[in-house]
């Protein structure tokens, strides 16, 4: 348990110290929200809402949360795992008494916590832009953390199988946003 806690703390610190990563985690969904705010439309004909339509944010924000959770969990996890492999940190971890399970649980827990922060940032910006949410926001944040934790094995698999950070980024991009 001590090793898992240490890996959680180390992983969380490495994420928070990476300015590019933290900027991307927060800026990516906020930019999408602001862009979608320019197209503030009413989704009509669904029978929901007081005027027979659905609030635009009620339609867009859940999909945006799912997309950002998957992007963060797959893309950023695969790139950071590939970087750890490139710099031979994973080989050095094998020489320590930390079990691989503690490493993985610490990574997943730290990234799930960051995913919760990302979800809260999206909800705050959406609320500032006029979104009105029904249901439990705490449950939404918890489900977002669960979604991040669910998609992370894909990121670990990509990071483990690719030769470097660049190839991990390309492959994860093909999986997250296939074209």
Foldseek 3Di string as FASTA:
>chain_A
DVLLVVLLVVLLVVQVVPPVNLCCLQVVLLVVLVVVLVVFDWAADCCDDPVRTDGPCVVPVVVSLLLSLLCLQAQVLLLVLLVCVVVVVVVVVVVDPRDPVSNLSSNLVSSLVSSLVSSVSNVVSCVVSPDDDDDDVVVVSVVSSVSNSVNNVNNNVLNVPDNHSVSSNVVSCCVSPND
